[in-house]
């Protein structure tokens, strides 16, 4: 699919998609027609874009994602401790989840307090 269709289907701008491609997060291939410079993106790019969105929502930076994906695809991952990297990202996400759960509980308590009848003195 061309970038316009990928943008429409993903809800992301063309500039964002180009940025992700420059960062090595998604890939395209030259289009089938030799008379233009269009690029084609595989259907799997939509899945990758969903995963990027999930990772960003969990607090992972584009730089971390690019480094992780680059190292996972590298033929020689020497010098990169993938397990330590992932352990650190897992700990960060778990900490965010714990904070979010505490805040969610606060919201539930606030809603319950607003719903309770006022106390007359």
PDB file of N, CA and C in Angstrom:
ATOM      1  N   UNK A   1       0.843  -1.164   0.000  1.00  0.00           N
ATOM      2  CA  UNK A   1       0.000   0.000   0.000  1.00  0.00           C
ATOM      3  C   UNK A   1       0.891   1.230   0.000  1.00  0.00           C
ATOM      4  N   UNK A   2       0.397   2.284  -0.566  1.00  0.00           N
ATOM      5  CA  UNK A   2       1.167   3.523  -0.616  1.00  0.00           C
ATOM      6  C   UNK A   2       0.984   4.299   0.684  1.00  0.00           C
ATOM      7  N   UNK A   3       1.802   5.305   0.868  1.00  0.00           N
ATOM      8  CA  UNK A   3       1.835   6.032   2.121  1.00  0.00           C
ATOM      9  C   UNK A   3       0.494   6.697   2.451  1.00  0.00           C
ATOM     10  N   UNK A   4      -0.215   7.164   1.444  1.00  0.00           N
ATOM     11  CA  UNK A   4      -1.518   7.786   1.684  1.00  0.00           C
ATOM     12  C   UNK A   4      -2.505   6.820   2.294  1.00  0.00           C
ATOM     13  N   UNK A   5      -2.531   5.605   1.776  1.00  0.00           N
ATOM     14  CA  UNK A   5      -3.435   4.594   2.322  1.00  0.00           C
ATOM     15  C   UNK A   5      -3.004   4.186   3.723  1.00  0.00           C
ATOM     16  N   UNK A   6      -1.698   4.039   3.926  1.00  0.00           N
ATOM     17  CA  UNK A   6      -1.203   3.684   5.260  1.00  0.00           C
ATOM     18  C   UNK A   6      -1.558   4.789   6.259  1.00  0.00           C
ATOM     19  N   UNK A   7      -1.423   6.032   5.846  1.00  0.00           N
ATOM     20  CA  UNK A   7      -1.780   7.155   6.718  1.00  0.00           C
ATOM     21  C   UNK A   7      -3.265   7.110   7.056  1.00  0.00           C
ATOM     22  N   UNK A   8      -4.088   6.890   6.061  1.00  0.00           N
ATOM     23  CA  UNK A   8      -5.536   6.830   6.281  1.00  0.00           C
ATOM     24  C   UNK A   8      -5.916   5.685   7.199  1.00  0.00           C
ATOM     25  N   UNK A   9      -5.370   4.521   6.945  1.00  0.00           N
ATOM     26  CA  UNK A   9      -5.733   3.334   7.730  1.00  0.00           C
ATOM     27  C   UNK A   9      -5.164   3.349   9.141  1.00  0.00           C
ATOM     28  N   UNK A  10      -4.018   3.999   9.316  1.00  0.00           N
ATOM     29  CA  UNK A  10      -3.388   4.028  10.636  1.00  0.00           C
ATOM     30  C   UNK A  10      -3.819   5.236  11.464  1.00  0.00           C
ATOM     31  N   UNK A  11      -4.318   6.267  10.771  1.00  0.00           N
ATOM     32  CA  UNK A  11      -4.671   7.496  11.470  1.00  0.00           C
ATOM     33  C   UNK A  11      -3.470   8.382  11.765  1.00  0.00           C
ATOM     34  N   UNK A  12      -2.323   8.059  11.195  1.00  0.00           N
ATOM     35  CA  UNK A  12      -1.103   8.841  11.392  1.00  0.00           C
ATOM     36  C   UNK A  12      -0.841   9.701  10.165  1.00  0.00           C
ATOM     37  N   UNK A  13      -0.096  10.771  10.347  1.00  0.00           N
ATOM     38  CA  UNK A  13       0.229  11.632   9.214  1.00  0.00           C
ATOM     39  C   UNK A  13       1.330  10.999   8.358  1.00  0.00           C
ATOM     40  N   UNK A  14       1.433  11.457   7.154  1.00  0.00           N
ATOM     41  CA  UNK A  14       2.496  10.995   6.266  1.00  0.00           C
ATOM     42  C   UNK A  14       3.861  11.359   6.847  1.00  0.00           C
ATOM     43  N   UNK A  15       3.947  12.543   7.456  1.00  0.00           N
ATOM     44  CA  UNK A  15       5.216  12.960   8.064  1.00  0.00           C
ATOM     45  C   UNK A  15       5.621  12.013   9.188  1.00  0.00           C
ATOM     46  N   UNK A  16       4.656  11.595   9.996  1.00  0.00           N
ATOM     47  CA  UNK A  16       4.958  10.652  11.081  1.00  0.00           C
ATOM     48  C   UNK A  16       5.440   9.328  10.506  1.00  0.00           C
ATOM     49  N   UNK A  17       4.775   8.854   9.471  1.00  0.00           N
ATOM     50  CA  UNK A  17       5.181   7.595   8.848  1.00  0.00           C
ATOM     51  C   UNK A  17       6.580   7.699   8.261  1.00  0.00           C
ATOM     52  N   UNK A  18       6.888   8.809   7.630  1.00  0.00           N
ATOM     53  CA  UNK A  18       8.244   8.999   7.078  1.00  0.00           C
ATOM     54  C   UNK A  18       9.279   9.050   8.201  1.00  0.00           C
ATOM     55  N   UNK A  19       8.925   9.721   9.296  1.00  0.00           N
ATOM     56  CA  UNK A  19       9.825   9.774  10.448  1.00  0.00           C
ATOM     57  C   UNK A  19      10.085   8.366  10.980  1.00  0.00           C
ATOM     58  N   UNK A  20       9.029   7.575  11.157  1.00  0.00           N
ATOM     59  CA  UNK A  20       9.195   6.208  11.642  1.00  0.00           C
ATOM     60  C   UNK A  20      10.070   5.397  10.694  1.00  0.00           C
ATOM     61  N   UNK A  21       9.917   5.624   9.410  1.00  0.00           N
ATOM     62  CA  UNK A  21      10.743   4.893   8.444  1.00  0.00           C
ATOM     63  C   UNK A  21      12.207   5.321   8.558  1.00  0.00           C
ATOM     64  N   UNK A  22      12.452   6.625   8.709  1.00  0.00           N
ATOM     65  CA  UNK A  22      13.838   7.091   8.869  1.00  0.00           C
ATOM     66  C   UNK A  22      14.454   6.522  10.146  1.00  0.00           C
ATOM     67  N   UNK A  23      13.644   6.282  11.159  1.00  0.00           N
ATOM     68  CA  UNK A  23      14.136   5.722  12.417  1.00  0.00           C
ATOM     69  C   UNK A  23      14.289   4.203  12.347  1.00  0.00           C
ATOM     70  N   UNK A  24      13.867   3.595  11.246  1.00  0.00           N
ATOM     71  CA  UNK A  24      13.999   2.151  11.081  1.00  0.00           C
ATOM     72  C   UNK A  24      12.882   1.355  11.728  1.00  0.00           C
ATOM     73  N   UNK A  25      11.768   2.010  12.065  1.00  0.00           N
ATOM     74  CA  UNK A  25      10.665   1.317  12.727  1.00  0.00           C
ATOM     75  C   UNK A  25       9.731   0.625  11.744  1.00  0.00           C
ATOM     76  N   UNK A  26       9.598   1.189  10.555  1.00  0.00           N
ATOM     77  CA  UNK A  26       8.819   0.550   9.490  1.00  0.00           C
ATOM     78  C   UNK A  26       9.655   0.600   8.222  1.00  0.00           C
ATOM     79  N   UNK A  27       9.279  -0.228   7.263  1.00  0.00           N
ATOM     80  CA  UNK A  27      10.019  -0.300   6.008  1.00  0.00           C
ATOM     81  C   UNK A  27       9.061  -0.197   4.834  1.00  0.00           C
ATOM     82  N   UNK A  28       9.595   0.309   3.729  1.00  0.00           N
ATOM     83  CA  UNK A  28       8.852   0.325   2.474  1.00  0.00           C
ATOM     84  C   UNK A  28       9.764  -0.207   1.379  1.00  0.00           C
ATOM     85  N   UNK A  29       9.143  -0.526   0.269  1.00  0.00           N
ATOM     86  CA  UNK A  29       9.877  -0.999  -0.900  1.00  0.00           C
ATOM     87  C   UNK A  29       9.528  -0.097  -2.075  1.00  0.00           C
ATOM     88  N   UNK A  30      10.418   0.002  -3.047  1.00  0.00           N
ATOM     89  CA  UNK A  30      10.057   0.760  -4.253  1.00  0.00           C
ATOM     90  C   UNK A  30       8.801   0.164  -4.883  1.00  0.00           C
ATOM     91  N   UNK A  31       7.949   1.043  -5.391  1.00  0.00           N
ATOM     92  CA  UNK A  31       6.730   0.586  -6.049  1.00  0.00           C
ATOM     93  C   UNK A  31       7.020  -0.237  -7.288  1.00  0.00           C
ATOM     94  N   UNK A  32       5.996  -0.929  -7.754  1.00  0.00           N
ATOM     95  CA  UNK A  32       6.151  -1.815  -8.912  1.00  0.00           C
ATOM     96  C   UNK A  32       6.385  -1.039 -10.203  1.00  0.00           C
ATOM     97  N   UNK A  33       5.881   0.187 -10.269  1.00  0.00           N
ATOM     98  CA  UNK A  33       6.024   0.980 -11.492  1.00  0.00           C
ATOM     99  C   UNK A  33       7.364   1.712 -11.490  1.00  0.00           C
ATOM    100  N   UNK A  34       8.159   1.451 -12.487  1.00  0.00           N
ATOM    101  CA  UNK A  34       9.488   2.067 -12.577  1.00  0.00           C
ATOM    102  C   UNK A  34       9.416   3.541 -12.972  1.00  0.00           C
ATOM    103  N   UNK A  35       8.236   4.002 -13.388  1.00  0.00           N
ATOM    104  CA  UNK A  35       8.104   5.377 -13.872  1.00  0.00           C
ATOM    105  C   UNK A  35       7.854   6.391 -12.759  1.00  0.00           C
ATOM    106  N   UNK A  36       7.753   5.931 -11.512  1.00  0.00           N
ATOM    107  CA  UNK A  36       7.535   6.878 -10.423  1.00  0.00           C
ATOM    108  C   UNK A  36       8.405   6.505  -9.227  1.00  0.00           C
ATOM    109  N   UNK A  37       8.385   7.354  -8.238  1.00  0.00           N
ATOM    110  CA  UNK A  37       9.209   7.104  -7.052  1.00  0.00           C
ATOM    111  C   UNK A  37       8.357   6.697  -5.849  1.00  0.00           C
ATOM    112  N   UNK A  38       7.163   6.183  -6.116  1.00  0.00           N
ATOM    113  CA  UNK A  38       6.289   5.772  -5.023  1.00  0.00           C
ATOM    114  C   UNK A  38       6.891   4.603  -4.253  1.00  0.00           C
ATOM    115  N   UNK A  39       6.585   4.561  -2.968  1.00  0.00           N
ATOM    116  CA  UNK A  39       7.037   3.471  -2.105  1.00  0.00           C
ATOM    117  C   UNK A  39       5.805   2.679  -1.674  1.00  0.00           C
ATOM    118  N   UNK A  40       5.990   1.383  -1.491  1.00  0.00           N
ATOM    119  CA  UNK A  40       4.910   0.513  -1.033  1.00  0.00           C
ATOM    120  C   UNK A  40       5.235  -0.007   0.361  1.00  0.00           C
ATOM    121  N   UNK A  41       4.237   0.008   1.217  1.00  0.00           N
ATOM    122  CA  UNK A  41       4.364  -0.482   2.591  1.00  0.00           C
ATOM    123  C   UNK A  41       3.591  -1.790   2.712  1.00  0.00           C
ATOM    124  N   UNK A  42       4.170  -2.761   3.395  1.00  0.00           N
ATOM    125  CA  UNK A  42       3.473  -4.037   3.555  1.00  0.00           C
ATOM    126  C   UNK A  42       2.296  -3.895   4.526  1.00  0.00           C
ATOM    127  N   UNK A  43       1.352  -4.782   4.410  1.00  0.00           N
ATOM    128  CA  UNK A  43       0.182  -4.810   5.296  1.00  0.00           C
ATOM    129  C   UNK A  43       0.607  -4.896   6.769  1.00  0.00           C
ATOM    130  N   UNK A  44       1.716  -5.600   7.026  1.00  0.00           N
ATOM    131  CA  UNK A  44       2.201  -5.781   8.398  1.00  0.00           C
ATOM    132  C   UNK A  44       2.602  -4.454   9.051  1.00  0.00           C
ATOM    133  N   UNK A  45       2.801  -3.417   8.244  1.00  0.00           N
ATOM    134  CA  UNK A  45       3.165  -2.113   8.806  1.00  0.00           C
ATOM    135  C   UNK A  45       2.084  -1.612   9.752  1.00  0.00           C
ATOM    136  N   UNK A  46       0.829  -1.958   9.483  1.00  0.00           N
ATOM    137  CA  UNK A  46      -0.259  -1.544  10.373  1.00  0.00           C
ATOM    138  C   UNK A  46      -0.112  -2.173  11.755  1.00  0.00           C
ATOM    139  N   UNK A  47       0.290  -3.424  11.796  1.00  0.00           N
ATOM    140  CA  UNK A  47       0.507  -4.105  13.083  1.00  0.00           C
ATOM    141  C   UNK A  47       1.671  -3.452  13.812  1.00  0.00           C
ATOM    142  N   UNK A  48       2.740  -3.186  13.082  1.00  0.00           N
ATOM    143  CA  UNK A  48       3.908  -2.534  13.679  1.00  0.00           C
ATOM    144  C   UNK A  48       3.529  -1.167  14.230  1.00  0.00           C
ATOM    145  N   UNK A  49       2.729  -0.415  13.500  1.00  0.00           N
ATOM    146  CA  UNK A  49       2.313   0.911  13.965  1.00  0.00           C
ATOM    147  C   UNK A  49       1.470   0.821  15.238  1.00  0.00           C
ATOM    148  N   UNK A  50       0.627  -0.200  15.332  1.00  0.00           N
ATOM    149  CA  UNK A  50      -0.135  -0.417  16.569  1.00  0.00           C
ATOM    150  C   UNK A  50       0.807  -0.718  17.730  1.00  0.00           C
ATOM    151  N   UNK A  51       1.820  -1.529  17.469  1.00  0.00           N
ATOM    152  CA  UNK A  51       2.792  -1.856  18.520  1.00  0.00           C
ATOM    153  C   UNK A  51       3.587  -0.630  18.937  1.00  0.00           C
ATOM    154  N   UNK A  52       3.936   0.220  17.994  1.00  0.00           N
ATOM    155  CA  UNK A  52       4.642   1.459  18.312  1.00  0.00           C
ATOM    156  C   UNK A  52       3.762   2.333  19.202  1.00  0.00           C
ATOM    157  N   UNK A  53       2.493   2.457  18.844  1.00  0.00           N
ATOM    158  CA  UNK A  53       1.570   3.267  19.643  1.00  0.00           C
ATOM    159  C   UNK A  53       1.447   2.712  21.055  1.00  0.00           C
ATOM    160  N   UNK A  54       1.340   1.389  21.176  1.00  0.00           N
ATOM    161  CA  UNK A  54       1.261   0.766  22.505  1.00  0.00           C
ATOM    162  C   UNK A  54       2.523   1.038  23.308  1.00  0.00           C
ATOM    163  N   UNK A  55       3.672   0.903  22.664  1.00  0.00           N
ATOM    164  CA  UNK A  55       4.946   1.133  23.353  1.00  0.00           C
ATOM    165  C   UNK A  55       5.065   2.584  23.800  1.00  0.00           C
ATOM    166  N   UNK A  56       4.660   3.508  22.942  1.00  0.00           N
ATOM    167  CA  UNK A  56       4.714   4.922  23.313  1.00  0.00           C
ATOM    168  C   UNK A  56       3.745   5.222  24.449  1.00  0.00           C
ATOM    169  N   UNK A  57       2.566   4.637  24.401  1.00  0.00           N
ATOM    170  CA  UNK A  57       1.589   4.858  25.469  1.00  0.00           C
ATOM    171  C   UNK A  57       2.104   4.325  26.796  1.00  0.00           C
ATOM    172  N   UNK A  58       2.942   3.311  26.740  1.00  0.00           N
ATOM    173  CA  UNK A  58       3.529   2.748  27.957  1.00  0.00           C
ATOM    174  C   UNK A  58       4.770   3.513  28.393  1.00  0.00           C
ATOM    175  N   UNK A  59       5.154   4.539  27.614  1.00  0.00           N
ATOM    176  CA  UNK A  59       6.264   5.385  28.006  1.00  0.00           C
ATOM    177  C   UNK A  59       7.578   5.131  27.304  1.00  0.00           C
ATOM    178  N   UNK A  60       7.603   4.254  26.332  1.00  0.00           N
ATOM    179  CA  UNK A  60       8.849   3.974  25.629  1.00  0.00           C
ATOM    180  C   UNK A  60       9.073   5.043  24.563  1.00  0.00           C
ATOM    181  N   UNK A  61      10.289   5.512  24.471  1.00  0.00           N
ATOM    182  CA  UNK A  61      10.606   6.548  23.492  1.00  0.00           C
ATOM    183  C   UNK A  61      10.853   5.939  22.111  1.00  0.00           C
ATOM    184  N   UNK A  62      10.731   6.781  21.105  1.00  0.00           N
ATOM    185  CA  UNK A  62      11.038   6.351  19.738  1.00  0.00           C
ATOM    186  C   UNK A  62      12.499   5.932  19.650  1.00  0.00           C
ATOM    187  N   UNK A  63      13.371   6.660  20.338  1.00  0.00           N
ATOM    188  CA  UNK A  63      14.799   6.312  20.315  1.00  0.00           C
ATOM    189  C   UNK A  63      15.024   4.914  20.888  1.00  0.00           C
ATOM    190  N   UNK A  64      14.369   4.595  22.010  1.00  0.00           N
ATOM    191  CA  UNK A  64      14.504   3.256  22.591  1.00  0.00           C
ATOM    192  C   UNK A  64      13.937   2.195  21.659  1.00  0.00           C
ATOM    193  N   UNK A  65      12.786   2.494  21.057  1.00  0.00           N
ATOM    194  CA  UNK A  65      12.189   1.538  20.119  1.00  0.00           C
ATOM    195  C   UNK A  65      13.107   1.295  18.931  1.00  0.00           C
ATOM    196  N   UNK A  66      13.669   2.373  18.389  1.00  0.00           N
ATOM    197  CA  UNK A  66      14.562   2.234  17.238  1.00  0.00           C
ATOM    198  C   UNK A  66      15.793   1.421  17.608  1.00  0.00           C
ATOM    199  N   UNK A  67      16.352   1.683  18.787  1.00  0.00           N
ATOM    200  CA  UNK A  67      17.535   0.936  19.213  1.00  0.00           C
ATOM    201  C   UNK A  67      17.185  -0.541  19.398  1.00  0.00           C
ATOM    202  N   UNK A  68      16.085  -0.812  20.065  1.00  0.00           N
ATOM    203  CA  UNK A  68      15.676  -2.201  20.296  1.00  0.00           C
ATOM    204  C   UNK A  68      15.443  -2.929  18.977  1.00  0.00           C
ATOM    205  N   UNK A  69      14.664  -2.335  18.093  1.00  0.00           N
ATOM    206  CA  UNK A  69      14.365  -2.996  16.822  1.00  0.00           C
ATOM    207  C   UNK A  69      15.627  -3.175  15.987  1.00  0.00           C
ATOM    208  N   UNK A  70      16.500  -2.182  16.008  1.00  0.00           N
ATOM    209  CA  UNK A  70      17.759  -2.296  15.267  1.00  0.00           C
ATOM    210  C   UNK A  70      18.614  -3.425  15.788  1.00  0.00           C
ATOM    211  N   UNK A  71      18.684  -3.555  17.091  1.00  0.00           N
ATOM    212  CA  UNK A  71      19.503  -4.617  17.682  1.00  0.00           C
ATOM    213  C   UNK A  71      18.880  -5.991  17.462  1.00  0.00           C
ATOM    214  N   UNK A  72      17.561  -6.070  17.534  1.00  0.00           N
ATOM    215  CA  UNK A  72      16.904  -7.361  17.316  1.00  0.00           C
ATOM    216  C   UNK A  72      17.070  -7.840  15.874  1.00  0.00           C
ATOM    217  N   UNK A  73      17.170  -6.892  14.939  1.00  0.00           N
ATOM    218  CA  UNK A  73      17.325  -7.251  13.532  1.00  0.00           C
ATOM    219  C   UNK A  73      18.786  -7.394  13.118  1.00  0.00           C
ATOM    220  N   UNK A  74      19.696  -6.970  13.968  1.00  0.00           N
ATOM    221  CA  UNK A  74      21.130  -7.010  13.628  1.00  0.00           C
ATOM    222  C   UNK A  74      21.621  -8.445  13.556  1.00  0.00           C
ATOM    223  N   UNK A  75      22.493  -8.679  12.620  1.00  0.00           N
ATOM    224  CA  UNK A  75      23.075 -10.013  12.481  1.00  0.00           C
ATOM    225  C   UNK A  75      24.071 -10.286  13.606  1.00  0.00           C
ATOM    226  N   UNK A  76      24.677  -9.217  14.119  1.00  0.00           N
ATOM    227  CA  UNK A  76      25.682  -9.360  15.177  1.00  0.00           C
ATOM    228  C   UNK A  76      25.321  -8.429  16.335  1.00  0.00           C
ATOM    229  N   UNK A  77      24.515  -8.903  17.272  1.00  0.00           N
ATOM    230  CA  UNK A  77      24.058  -8.040  18.355  1.00  0.00           C
ATOM    231  C   UNK A  77      25.062  -7.883  19.496  1.00  0.00           C
ATOM    232  N   UNK A  78      26.350  -8.174  19.242  1.00  0.00           N
ATOM    233  CA  UNK A  78      27.365  -8.021  20.289  1.00  0.00           C
ATOM    234  C   UNK A  78      27.366  -6.587  20.813  1.00  0.00           C
ATOM    235  N   UNK A  79      27.616  -6.460  22.084  1.00  0.00           N
ATOM    236  CA  UNK A  79      27.661  -5.138  22.694  1.00  0.00           C
ATOM    237  C   UNK A  79      26.309  -4.635  23.128  1.00  0.00           C
ATOM    238  N   UNK A  80      25.263  -5.380  22.870  1.00  0.00           N
ATOM    239  CA  UNK A  80      23.917  -4.986  23.268  1.00  0.00           C
ATOM    240  C   UNK A  80      23.356  -6.091  24.146  1.00  0.00           C
ATOM    241  N   UNK A  81      23.083  -5.745  25.385  1.00  0.00           N
ATOM    242  CA  UNK A  81      22.504  -6.705  26.320  1.00  0.00           C
ATOM    243  C   UNK A  81      20.986  -6.575  26.240  1.00  0.00           C
ATOM    244  N   UNK A  82      20.413  -7.311  25.306  1.00  0.00           N
ATOM    245  CA  UNK A  82      18.974  -7.250  25.069  1.00  0.00           C
ATOM    246  C   UNK A  82      18.161  -7.599  26.288  1.00  0.00           C
ATOM    247  N   UNK A  83      18.622  -8.567  27.045  1.00  0.00           N
ATOM    248  CA  UNK A  83      17.878  -8.974  28.236  1.00  0.00           C
ATOM    249  C   UNK A  83      17.854  -7.846  29.269  1.00  0.00           C
ATOM    250  N   UNK A  84      18.983  -7.202  29.489  1.00  0.00           N
ATOM    251  CA  UNK A  84      19.035  -6.091  30.446  1.00  0.00           C
ATOM    252  C   UNK A  84      18.192  -4.917  29.949  1.00  0.00           C
ATOM    253  N   UNK A  85      18.259  -4.646  28.652  1.00  0.00           N
ATOM    254  CA  UNK A  85      17.464  -3.571  28.076  1.00  0.00           C
ATOM    255  C   UNK A  85      15.983  -3.839  28.292  1.00  0.00           C
ATOM    256  N   UNK A  86      15.555  -5.057  27.963  1.00  0.00           N
ATOM    257  CA  UNK A  86      14.139  -5.401  28.129  1.00  0.00           C
ATOM    258  C   UNK A  86      13.739  -5.429  29.599  1.00  0.00           C
ATOM    259  N   UNK A  87      14.611  -5.928  30.476  1.00  0.00           N
ATOM    260  CA  UNK A  87      14.302  -5.914  31.909  1.00  0.00           C
ATOM    261  C   UNK A  87      14.057  -4.498  32.405  1.00  0.00           C
ATOM    262  N   UNK A  88      14.877  -3.560  31.951  1.00  0.00           N
ATOM    263  CA  UNK A  88      14.711  -2.163  32.359  1.00  0.00           C
ATOM    264  C   UNK A  88      13.410  -1.585  31.823  1.00  0.00           C
ATOM    265  N   UNK A  89      13.071  -1.871  30.559  1.00  0.00           N
ATOM    266  CA  UNK A  89      11.819  -1.362  30.000  1.00  0.00           C
ATOM    267  C   UNK A  89      10.620  -1.999  30.696  1.00  0.00           C
ATOM    268  N   UNK A  90      10.713  -3.298  31.018  1.00  0.00           N
ATOM    269  CA  UNK A  90       9.624  -3.974  31.731  1.00  0.00           C
ATOM    270  C   UNK A  90       9.418  -3.331  33.095  1.00  0.00           C
ATOM    271  N   UNK A  91      10.498  -3.062  33.799  1.00  0.00           N
ATOM    272  CA  UNK A  91      10.398  -2.422  35.120  1.00  0.00           C
ATOM    273  C   UNK A  91       9.761  -1.042  34.998  1.00  0.00           C
ATOM    274  N   UNK A  92      10.137  -0.284  33.985  1.00  0.00           N
ATOM    275  CA  UNK A  92       9.542   1.043  33.782  1.00  0.00           C
ATOM    276  C   UNK A  92       8.040   0.952  33.522  1.00  0.00           C
ATOM    277  N   UNK A  93       7.643   0.033  32.671  1.00  0.00           N
ATOM    278  CA  UNK A  93       6.218  -0.113  32.344  1.00  0.00           C
ATOM    279  C   UNK A  93       5.447  -0.599  33.564  1.00  0.00           C
ATOM    280  N   UNK A  94       6.007  -1.546  34.299  1.00  0.00           N
ATOM    281  CA  UNK A  94       5.328  -2.029  35.506  1.00  0.00           C
ATOM    282  C   UNK A  94       5.162  -0.906  36.525  1.00  0.00           C
ATOM    283  N   UNK A  95       6.158  -0.034  36.650  1.00  0.00           N
ATOM    284  CA  UNK A  95       6.054   1.103  37.573  1.00  0.00           C
ATOM    285  C   UNK A  95       4.963   2.062  37.108  1.00  0.00           C
ATOM    286  N   UNK A  96       4.878   2.303  35.802  1.00  0.00           N
ATOM    287  CA  UNK A  96       3.824   3.178  35.275  1.00  0.00           C
ATOM    288  C   UNK A  96       2.450   2.576  35.521  1.00  0.00           C
ATOM    289  N   UNK A  97       2.346   1.272  35.334  1.00  0.00           N
ATOM    290  CA  UNK A  97       1.065   0.597  35.570  1.00  0.00           C
ATOM    291  C   UNK A  97       0.669   0.735  37.035  1.00  0.00           C
ATOM    292  N   UNK A  98       1.609   0.540  37.941  1.00  0.00           N
ATOM    293  CA  UNK A  98       1.311   0.658  39.373  1.00  0.00           C
ATOM    294  C   UNK A  98       0.838   2.078  39.702  1.00  0.00           C
ATOM    295  N   UNK A  99       1.514   3.093  39.150  1.00  0.00           N
ATOM    296  CA  UNK A  99       1.085   4.482  39.381  1.00  0.00           C
ATOM    297  C   UNK A  99      -0.295   4.724  38.791  1.00  0.00           C
ATOM    298  N   UNK A 100      -0.532   4.210  37.608  1.00  0.00           N
ATOM    299  CA  UNK A 100      -1.836   4.390  36.971  1.00  0.00           C
ATOM    300  C   UNK A 100      -2.936   3.709  37.776  1.00  0.00           C
ATOM    301  N   UNK A 101      -2.661   2.537  38.304  1.00  0.00           N
ATOM    302  CA  UNK A 101      -3.653   1.836  39.122  1.00  0.00           C
ATOM    303  C   UNK A 101      -3.950   2.605  40.407  1.00  0.00           C
ATOM    304  N   UNK A 102      -2.913   3.198  41.031  1.00  0.00           N
ATOM    305  CA  UNK A 102      -3.147   4.018  42.230  1.00  0.00           C
ATOM    306  C   UNK A 102      -4.009   5.232  41.894  1.00  0.00           C
ATOM    307  N   UNK A 103      -3.699   5.864  40.777  1.00  0.00           N
ATOM    308  CA  UNK A 103      -4.475   7.026  40.377  1.00  0.00           C
ATOM    309  C   UNK A 103      -5.908   6.631  40.032  1.00  0.00           C
ATOM    310  N   UNK A 104      -6.084   5.513  39.380  1.00  0.00           N
ATOM    311  CA  UNK A 104      -7.422   5.024  39.051  1.00  0.00           C
ATOM    312  C   UNK A 104      -8.231   4.801  40.324  1.00  0.00           C
ATOM    313  N   UNK A 105      -7.604   4.233  41.332  1.00  0.00           N
ATOM    314  CA  UNK A 105      -8.295   4.028  42.609  1.00  0.00           C
ATOM    315  C   UNK A 105      -8.704   5.363  43.212  1.00  0.00           C
ATOM    316  N   UNK A 106      -7.843   6.372  43.103  1.00  0.00           N
ATOM    317  CA  UNK A 106      -8.184   7.715  43.593  1.00  0.00           C
ATOM    318  C   UNK A 106      -9.394   8.275  42.853  1.00  0.00           C
ATOM    319  N   UNK A 107      -9.446   8.045  41.557  1.00  0.00           N
ATOM    320  CA  UNK A 107     -10.593   8.516  40.783  1.00  0.00           C
ATOM    321  C   UNK A 107     -11.877   7.817  41.203  1.00  0.00           C
ATOM    322  N   UNK A 108     -11.806   6.517  41.439  1.00  0.00           N
ATOM    323  CA  UNK A 108     -12.976   5.769  41.907  1.00  0.00           C
ATOM    324  C   UNK A 108     -13.438   6.312  43.258  1.00  0.00           C
ATOM    325  N   UNK A 109     -12.504   6.586  44.153  1.00  0.00           N
ATOM    326  CA  UNK A 109     -12.853   7.122  45.470  1.00  0.00           C
ATOM    327  C   UNK A 109     -13.476   8.506  45.346  1.00  0.00           C
ATOM    328  N   UNK A 110     -12.950   9.341  44.461  1.00  0.00           N
ATOM    329  CA  UNK A 110     -13.515  10.674  44.262  1.00  0.00           C
ATOM    330  C   UNK A 110     -14.934  10.585  43.707  1.00  0.00           C
ATOM    331  N   UNK A 111     -15.152   9.684  42.762  1.00  0.00           N
ATOM    332  CA  UNK A 111     -16.493   9.504  42.205  1.00  0.00           C
ATOM    333  C   UNK A 111     -17.452   9.027  43.266  1.00  0.00           C
ATOM    334  N   UNK A 112     -17.009   8.081  44.107  1.00  0.00           N
ATOM    335  CA  UNK A 112     -17.867   7.574  45.180  1.00  0.00           C
ATOM    336  C   UNK A 112     -18.180   8.694  46.176  1.00  0.00           C
ATOM    337  N   UNK A 113     -17.217   9.539  46.467  1.00  0.00           N
ATOM    338  CA  UNK A 113     -17.446  10.634  47.402  1.00  0.00           C
ATOM    339  C   UNK A 113     -18.452  11.631  46.824  1.00  0.00           C
ATOM    340  N   UNK A 114     -18.385  11.877  45.540  1.00  0.00           N
ATOM    341  CA  UNK A 114     -19.328  12.799  44.903  1.00  0.00           C
ATOM    342  C   UNK A 114     -20.738  12.208  44.856  1.00  0.00           C
ATOM    343  N   UNK A 115     -20.828  10.899  44.747  1.00  0.00           N
ATOM    344  CA  UNK A 115     -22.124  10.238  44.645  1.00  0.00           C
ATOM    345  C   UNK A 115     -22.792  10.051  46.006  1.00  0.00           C
ATOM    346  N   UNK A 116     -22.014  10.115  47.080  1.00  0.00           N
ATOM    347  CA  UNK A 116     -22.582   9.898  48.428  1.00  0.00           C
ATOM    348  C   UNK A 116     -23.458  11.079  48.816  1.00  0.00           C
ATOM    349  N   UNK A 117     -24.553  10.804  49.538  1.00  0.00           N
ATOM    350  CA  UNK A 117     -25.399  11.916  49.999  1.00  0.00           C
ATOM    351  C   UNK A 117     -24.648  12.782  51.001  1.00  0.00           C
ATOM    352  N   UNK A 118     -24.899  14.077  50.981  1.00  0.00           N
ATOM    353  CA  UNK A 118     -24.200  14.956  51.904  1.00  0.00           C
ATOM    354  C   UNK A 118     -24.551  14.635  53.359  1.00  0.00           C
ATOM    355  N   UNK A 119     -23.610  14.823  54.215  1.00  0.00           N
ATOM    356  CA  UNK A 119     -23.818  14.572  55.649  1.00  0.00           C
ATOM    357  C   UNK A 119     -24.352  15.861  56.258  1.00  0.00           C
ATOM    358  N   UNK A 120     -25.535  15.744  56.926  1.00  0.00           N
ATOM    359  CA  UNK A 120     -26.134  16.902  57.589  1.00  0.00           C
ATOM    360  C   UNK A 120     -25.641  16.974  59.017  1.00  0.00           C
ATOM    361  N   UNK A 121     -25.375  18.173  59.481  1.00  0.00           N
ATOM    362  CA  UNK A 121     -24.892  18.339  60.864  1.00  0.00           C
ATOM    363  C   UNK A 121     -25.892  19.088  61.683  1.00  0.00           C
TER     364      UNK A 121
END
